[in-house]
Amino acid sequence: MKQPKKLTWKQKQIVSNAGKNPDDYMLHAENDSELILYNKKEKRLEAVEK
């Protein structure tokens, strides 16, 4: 797995609008329709629609 990156301000807004705490996530990958996030507490990947 590649190194997860910190979320930008805009990405944090997307994550919080999805009802999740942005402090618990790091960015794994991004495409046009979704963000693939790494959950730091549960150590797994999750997808969030943009």
C-alpha atoms as a PDB file:
ATOM      1  CA  MET A   1       0.000   0.000   0.000  1.00  0.00           C
ATOM      2  CA  LYS A   2       1.329   3.437  -0.871  1.00  0.00           C
ATOM      3  CA  GLN A   3       1.843   6.065   1.820  1.00  0.00           C
ATOM      4  CA  PRO A   4      -1.455   7.779   2.846  1.00  0.00           C
ATOM      5  CA  LYS A   5      -1.452  11.600   2.703  1.00  0.00           C
ATOM      6  CA  LYS A   6      -3.056  14.238   4.911  1.00  0.00           C
ATOM      7  CA  LEU A   7      -6.451  15.528   3.782  1.00  0.00           C
ATOM      8  CA  THR A   8      -6.730  18.992   2.242  1.00  0.00           C
ATOM      9  CA  TRP A   9      -9.330  21.453   3.502  1.00  0.00           C
ATOM     10  CA  LYS A  10     -11.710  20.643   0.612  1.00  0.00           C
ATOM     11  CA  GLN A  11     -11.316  16.889   1.211  1.00  0.00           C
ATOM     12  CA  LYS A  12     -12.020  17.393   4.920  1.00  0.00           C
ATOM     13  CA  GLN A  13     -15.263  19.158   3.982  1.00  0.00           C
ATOM     14  CA  ILE A  14     -16.309  16.180   1.807  1.00  0.00           C
ATOM     15  CA  VAL A  15     -15.529  13.699   4.600  1.00  0.00           C
ATOM     16  CA  SER A  16     -17.394  15.699   7.249  1.00  0.00           C
ATOM     17  CA  ASN A  17     -20.431  16.081   4.940  1.00  0.00           C
ATOM     18  CA  ALA A  18     -20.476  12.274   4.714  1.00  0.00           C
ATOM     19  CA  GLY A  19     -20.888  12.172   8.516  1.00  0.00           C
ATOM     20  CA  LYS A  20     -17.357  11.056   9.353  1.00  0.00           C
ATOM     21  CA  ASN A  21     -14.656  12.641  11.516  1.00  0.00           C
ATOM     22  CA  PRO A  22     -11.874  13.935   9.190  1.00  0.00           C
ATOM     23  CA  ASP A  23      -9.272  13.553  11.955  1.00  0.00           C
ATOM     24  CA  ASP A  24      -9.641   9.757  11.736  1.00  0.00           C
ATOM     25  CA  TYR A  25      -8.829   9.540   8.003  1.00  0.00           C
ATOM     26  CA  MET A  26      -5.958   9.955   5.552  1.00  0.00           C
ATOM     27  CA  LEU A  27      -6.157  10.021   1.751  1.00  0.00           C
ATOM     28  CA  HIS A  28      -5.160   6.787  -0.009  1.00  0.00           C
ATOM     29  CA  ALA A  29      -6.368   7.601  -3.548  1.00  0.00           C
ATOM     30  CA  GLU A  30      -8.704  10.001  -5.343  1.00  0.00           C
ATOM     31  CA  ASN A  31     -10.573   9.877  -8.640  1.00  0.00           C
ATOM     32  CA  ASP A  32     -13.324  11.954 -10.270  1.00  0.00           C
ATOM     33  CA  SER A  33     -16.217  10.458  -8.317  1.00  0.00           C
ATOM     34  CA  GLU A  34     -14.855   9.343  -4.931  1.00  0.00           C
ATOM     35  CA  LEU A  35     -12.139   9.512  -2.288  1.00  0.00           C
ATOM     36  CA  ILE A  36     -10.507   6.310  -1.062  1.00  0.00           C
ATOM     37  CA  LEU A  37      -9.664   6.930   2.580  1.00  0.00           C
ATOM     38  CA  TYR A  38      -7.516   5.075   5.104  1.00  0.00           C
ATOM     39  CA  ASN A  39      -9.149   4.824   8.535  1.00  0.00           C
ATOM     40  CA  LYS A  40      -6.330   5.307  11.072  1.00  0.00           C
ATOM     41  CA  LYS A  41      -8.213   3.750  13.990  1.00  0.00           C
ATOM     42  CA  GLU A  42      -9.637   0.662  12.278  1.00  0.00           C
ATOM     43  CA  LYS A  43      -6.731   0.286   9.799  1.00  0.00           C
ATOM     44  CA  ARG A  44      -8.898  -0.256   6.725  1.00  0.00           C
ATOM     45  CA  LEU A  45      -9.855   1.504   3.498  1.00  0.00           C
ATOM     46  CA  GLU A  46     -13.224   3.203   2.966  1.00  0.00           C
ATOM     47  CA  ALA A  47     -14.729   5.026  -0.014  1.00  0.00           C
ATOM     48  CA  VAL A  48     -16.652   8.326   0.143  1.00  0.00           C
ATOM     49  CA  GLU A  49     -18.605   9.845  -2.771  1.00  0.00           C
ATOM     50  CA  LYS A  50     -17.667  13.407  -3.709  1.00  0.00           C
END
